[in-house]
Amino acid sequence: MRKPQKTLPGVTRRQVLTWTGAALAALTPGTGQSQAVTLTGATPGWRPFADNPPQTYSSQGWLFFTEAEAATLEAIVDRLIPEDDLSPGGKACGCAVFIDRQLHGFYGNFERLYREGPFREGTPEQGDQSPLTPRERYRLGLSGLDNYVRKQHNKRFHELNGDEQDNVLRALEKGAITLDGIDGTLFFAQVLSNTTEGFFADPIYGGNRDMVSWKMIGFPGARYDYRDFIERHNEDLNLTPVSITGSAAWIKKG
């Protein structure tokens, strides 16, 4: 029995045949070189993430962090990305929410990476060779940081004033602070990298709230088609950023 041909949702077989014919007709005779073709008519039914949708969360609250861990992390991201006249701080931008959701997902356990030993200290060119997963790094690092601050200031990190927090983070980055169970510079690099990702990522992942970073740098977002703007050089297009979902505002704090 002949198997029926499948088409995309919202696409008829007649449309597929028409588009295929148009593409073949666009070949320059005798050269095999193609020319641009503009397809008109009904859209092909394509939807973002149709086959691999991003995970979304309807429940409020933290998915991985405890309340104590979240308080420390939010204080850290607010010092790494302080509020100024260009954008809100890292906390208000949702950087901690972004990290929380990433750790809750497959990234948290490095599920898609090779995880067998041996683990040896690598060269700078080889990058991070630690056996610790991101979840382990944050659990150890946040706990170790608060323990250090308690011993030095009899407070938790988020209870320090801004200058004191900056001094602690600078010392952590330079390797001048020893944390229990994890290298301080490794932990700092992990948080800095993930905070940066959360600040510039698509808002669908929890950070970059209201697309503040995209508006700041003039990035137009995840637009499907730029053909109308290709020849417009050295001018401000005044394009409002859009998310992968096509929305100008997508994720609220989870």
Protein backbone atom coordinates (compact mmCIF):
# COMPACT_ATOMS: atom_id res chain seq x y z
CA MET A 1 0.00 0.00 0.00
CA ARG A 2 1.30 3.44 -0.88
CA LYS A 3 1.88 5.59 2.22
CA PRO A 4 0.20 9.04 2.23
CA GLN A 5 2.49 12.01 1.97
CA LYS A 6 2.70 14.28 4.98
CA THR A 7 2.71 18.06 4.89
CA LEU A 8 3.18 20.74 7.49
CA PRO A 9 0.18 21.75 9.60
CA GLY A 10 -1.93 24.24 7.65
CA VAL A 11 -0.30 23.37 4.30
CA THR A 12 -2.10 21.61 1.50
CA ARG A 13 -0.43 19.18 -0.84
CA ARG A 14 -1.31 21.46 -3.74
CA GLN A 15 0.63 24.32 -2.12
CA VAL A 16 3.69 22.13 -1.65
CA LEU A 17 3.64 21.10 -5.31
CA THR A 18 3.18 24.73 -6.39
CA TRP A 19 6.13 25.93 -4.31
CA THR A 20 8.33 23.06 -5.53
CA GLY A 21 7.49 23.91 -9.13
CA ALA A 22 8.32 27.56 -8.55
CA ALA A 23 11.68 26.64 -7.07
CA LEU A 24 12.56 24.39 -10.02
CA ALA A 25 11.49 27.08 -12.47
CA ALA A 26 13.88 29.50 -10.78
CA LEU A 27 16.91 27.51 -11.95
CA THR A 28 18.77 29.37 -14.69
CA PRO A 29 18.65 27.14 -17.81
CA GLY A 30 21.89 25.39 -18.50
CA THR A 31 23.69 26.54 -15.35
CA GLY A 32 21.91 24.85 -12.48
CA GLN A 33 22.19 28.14 -10.54
CA SER A 34 19.14 29.27 -8.60
CA GLN A 35 17.51 32.67 -8.47
CA ALA A 36 15.56 34.18 -5.60
CA VAL A 37 11.88 33.31 -5.48
CA THR A 38 9.24 34.98 -3.36
CA LEU A 39 6.52 32.57 -2.26
CA THR A 40 3.09 34.08 -1.84
CA GLY A 41 -0.22 32.79 -0.60
CA ALA A 42 -1.00 31.00 2.64
CA THR A 43 1.79 30.79 5.20
CA PRO A 44 3.31 27.31 5.64
CA GLY A 45 2.00 26.86 9.17
CA TRP A 46 5.44 27.20 10.78
CA ARG A 47 5.48 27.95 14.47
CA PRO A 48 8.50 28.71 16.71
CA PHE A 49 9.70 25.63 18.62
CA ALA A 50 7.02 23.44 17.00
CA ASP A 51 9.20 20.34 17.43
CA ASN A 52 11.18 21.37 20.53
CA PRO A 53 9.23 23.89 22.61
CA PRO A 54 11.04 25.66 25.48
CA GLN A 55 9.88 24.67 28.92
CA THR A 56 7.61 27.22 30.54
CA TYR A 57 6.47 27.44 34.14
CA SER A 58 3.10 28.58 35.43
CA SER A 59 3.89 28.16 39.14
CA GLN A 60 5.41 30.99 41.14
CA GLY A 61 8.59 30.68 43.16
CA TRP A 62 12.06 29.25 42.76
CA LEU A 63 12.53 25.95 40.96
CA PHE A 64 16.03 25.09 42.17
CA PHE A 65 17.26 27.64 44.72
CA THR A 66 16.18 27.83 48.32
CA GLU A 67 15.00 31.22 49.55
CA ALA A 68 18.34 31.76 51.31
CA GLU A 69 20.32 30.88 48.16
CA ALA A 70 18.11 33.08 46.02
CA ALA A 71 18.64 36.08 48.32
CA THR A 72 22.42 35.70 48.00
CA LEU A 73 22.32 35.21 44.24
CA GLU A 74 20.03 38.18 43.64
CA ALA A 75 22.43 40.36 45.62
CA ILE A 76 25.34 39.09 43.50
CA VAL A 77 23.67 39.71 40.12
CA ASP A 78 22.70 43.20 41.27
CA ARG A 79 26.39 44.01 41.84
CA LEU A 80 27.53 42.40 38.59
CA ILE A 81 24.89 44.40 36.69
CA PRO A 82 24.14 47.44 38.84
CA GLU A 83 21.20 49.69 38.12
CA ASP A 84 22.06 52.84 36.15
CA ASP A 85 20.49 55.21 33.65
CA LEU A 86 20.77 52.58 30.90
CA SER A 87 18.99 49.65 32.52
CA PRO A 88 17.69 48.22 35.79
CA GLY A 89 19.95 46.01 37.89
CA GLY A 90 20.50 42.30 37.40
CA LYS A 91 17.83 41.34 39.93
CA ALA A 92 15.10 43.45 38.34
CA CYS A 93 16.11 42.17 34.89
CA GLY A 94 15.44 38.58 36.01
CA CYS A 95 19.02 37.28 35.83
CA ALA A 96 18.56 35.14 38.96
CA VAL A 97 15.29 33.75 37.59
CA PHE A 98 17.08 32.83 34.35
CA ILE A 99 19.81 30.99 36.28
CA ASP A 100 17.25 29.22 38.45
CA ARG A 101 15.40 27.88 35.41
CA GLN A 102 18.59 26.82 33.68
CA LEU A 103 19.73 24.87 36.73
CA HIS A 104 16.30 23.26 37.01
CA GLY A 105 16.61 22.02 33.42
CA PHE A 106 19.10 19.74 31.69
CA TYR A 107 21.87 22.34 31.86
CA GLY A 108 21.96 22.01 35.64
CA ASN A 109 23.37 18.48 35.47
CA PHE A 110 25.30 18.88 32.19
CA GLU A 111 23.07 16.11 30.85
CA ARG A 112 24.19 16.71 27.27
CA LEU A 113 27.92 16.67 27.99
CA TYR A 114 30.38 13.82 28.41
CA ARG A 115 30.62 13.28 32.16
CA GLU A 116 33.13 10.45 32.62
CA GLY A 117 36.64 10.97 34.03
CA PRO A 118 39.49 11.39 34.32
CA PHE A 119 39.20 15.00 35.49
CA ARG A 120 42.47 16.89 35.40
CA GLU A 121 43.34 20.55 35.61
CA GLY A 122 43.31 21.89 32.08
CA THR A 123 45.28 24.59 30.32
CA PRO A 124 43.69 28.02 29.76
CA GLU A 125 43.03 26.97 26.17
CA GLN A 126 41.16 23.84 27.32
CA GLY A 127 38.90 25.77 29.65
CA ASP A 128 37.01 24.50 32.66
CA GLN A 129 37.74 20.86 33.52
CA SER A 130 35.95 20.66 36.87
CA PRO A 131 33.87 17.53 37.59
CA LEU A 132 31.26 19.68 39.34
CA THR A 133 27.95 20.26 37.56
CA PRO A 134 26.38 23.75 37.55
CA ARG A 135 23.93 22.67 40.26
CA GLU A 136 26.78 21.51 42.47
CA ARG A 137 28.76 24.68 41.81
CA TYR A 138 25.93 26.96 42.87
CA ARG A 139 24.99 24.88 45.91
CA LEU A 140 28.57 24.79 47.15
CA GLY A 141 29.48 28.29 46.08
CA LEU A 142 26.51 30.15 47.58
CA SER A 143 26.82 28.24 50.84
CA GLY A 144 30.58 28.78 50.97
CA LEU A 145 30.25 32.49 50.23
CA ASP A 146 27.70 33.05 53.00
CA ASN A 147 29.84 31.08 55.45
CA TYR A 148 32.85 33.23 54.60
CA VAL A 149 30.90 36.49 54.99
CA ARG A 150 29.46 35.36 58.34
CA LYS A 151 32.97 34.76 59.67
CA GLN A 152 34.25 38.11 58.40
CA HIS A 153 31.23 40.38 58.98
CA ASN A 154 28.79 38.38 61.12
CA LYS A 155 26.23 38.87 58.34
CA ARG A 156 25.04 37.10 55.21
CA PHE A 157 26.17 38.39 51.82
CA HIS A 158 22.88 40.07 50.92
CA GLU A 159 22.96 41.95 54.25
CA LEU A 160 26.22 43.75 53.37
CA ASN A 161 26.12 47.21 51.83
CA GLY A 162 27.01 47.66 48.17
CA ASP A 163 30.67 48.58 48.68
CA GLU A 164 31.23 45.62 51.01
CA GLN A 165 29.62 43.28 48.49
CA ASP A 166 31.85 44.65 45.72
CA ASN A 167 34.96 44.09 47.82
CA VAL A 168 33.99 40.49 48.50
CA LEU A 169 33.27 39.79 44.83
CA ARG A 170 36.58 41.35 43.73
CA ALA A 171 38.47 39.17 46.18
CA LEU A 172 36.49 36.13 45.02
CA GLU A 173 37.36 36.85 41.37
CA LYS A 174 41.07 37.21 42.20
CA GLY A 175 41.18 33.95 44.15
CA ALA A 176 41.82 35.71 47.46
CA ILE A 177 38.86 33.96 49.13
CA THR A 178 38.81 30.25 49.89
CA LEU A 179 35.38 28.62 49.76
CA ASP A 180 34.50 25.23 51.19
CA GLY A 181 34.22 22.57 48.49
CA ILE A 182 34.75 24.75 45.40
CA ASP A 183 37.37 27.04 43.91
CA GLY A 184 36.31 30.65 44.41
CA THR A 185 37.43 31.85 40.99
CA LEU A 186 35.54 28.97 39.34
CA PHE A 187 32.37 29.90 41.19
CA PHE A 188 32.71 33.58 40.34
CA ALA A 189 33.29 32.81 36.65
CA GLN A 190 30.22 30.54 36.62
CA VAL A 191 27.94 33.20 38.11
CA LEU A 192 29.34 35.99 35.91
CA SER A 193 28.86 33.93 32.74
CA ASN A 194 25.30 32.89 33.61
CA THR A 195 24.36 36.41 34.71
CA THR A 196 25.54 37.80 31.38
CA GLU A 197 23.55 35.13 29.55
CA GLY A 198 20.44 35.96 31.55
CA PHE A 199 20.81 39.67 30.84
CA PHE A 200 21.02 39.23 27.05
CA ALA A 201 18.98 36.05 26.46
CA ASP A 202 15.52 35.96 24.96
CA PRO A 203 12.96 36.80 27.67
CA ILE A 204 11.27 33.46 27.11
CA TYR A 205 13.98 31.97 29.35
CA GLY A 206 13.22 34.19 32.33
CA GLY A 207 15.81 36.97 32.08
CA ASN A 208 16.11 40.17 30.06
CA ARG A 209 12.76 41.28 31.47
CA ASP A 210 10.90 43.62 29.11
CA MET A 211 13.87 43.20 26.75
CA VAL A 212 15.77 45.92 28.60
CA SER A 213 19.19 44.83 27.33
CA TRP A 214 18.00 44.57 23.72
CA LYS A 215 16.51 48.06 23.91
CA MET A 216 19.74 49.32 25.45
CA ILE A 217 21.95 48.06 22.59
CA GLY A 218 19.38 48.50 19.82
CA PHE A 219 18.98 44.79 19.06
CA PRO A 220 15.68 44.22 17.20
CA GLY A 221 15.16 40.74 18.59
CA ALA A 222 14.11 37.48 16.97
CA ARG A 223 12.46 38.78 13.83
CA TYR A 224 11.60 36.34 11.08
CA ASP A 225 12.45 38.49 8.06
CA TYR A 226 14.84 41.41 7.48
CA ARG A 227 14.56 41.66 3.70
CA ASP A 228 12.91 45.08 3.83
CA PHE A 229 15.88 46.49 5.73
CA ILE A 230 18.90 44.93 4.02
CA GLU A 231 19.67 47.95 1.83
CA ARG A 232 19.02 50.54 4.54
CA HIS A 233 22.51 51.25 5.84
CA ASN A 234 23.66 53.53 8.68
CA GLU A 235 20.23 54.54 9.87
CA ASP A 236 18.19 53.95 12.99
CA LEU A 237 15.36 51.64 11.99
CA ASN A 238 13.50 52.23 15.26
CA LEU A 239 12.50 48.57 15.44
CA THR A 240 10.86 47.47 18.68
CA PRO A 241 12.51 44.25 19.92
CA VAL A 242 10.44 41.09 19.78
CA SER A 243 10.86 37.78 21.58
CA ILE A 244 11.10 34.38 19.92
CA THR A 245 7.39 34.11 20.56
CA GLY A 246 6.75 37.30 18.60
CA SER A 247 5.78 39.12 21.77
CA ALA A 248 7.23 42.36 23.08
CA ALA A 249 6.85 41.15 26.68
CA TRP A 250 6.85 37.47 27.48
CA ILE A 251 8.01 36.13 30.82
CA LYS A 252 7.17 37.56 34.23
CA LYS A 253 9.03 36.55 37.33
CA GLY A 254 8.61 32.89 38.12
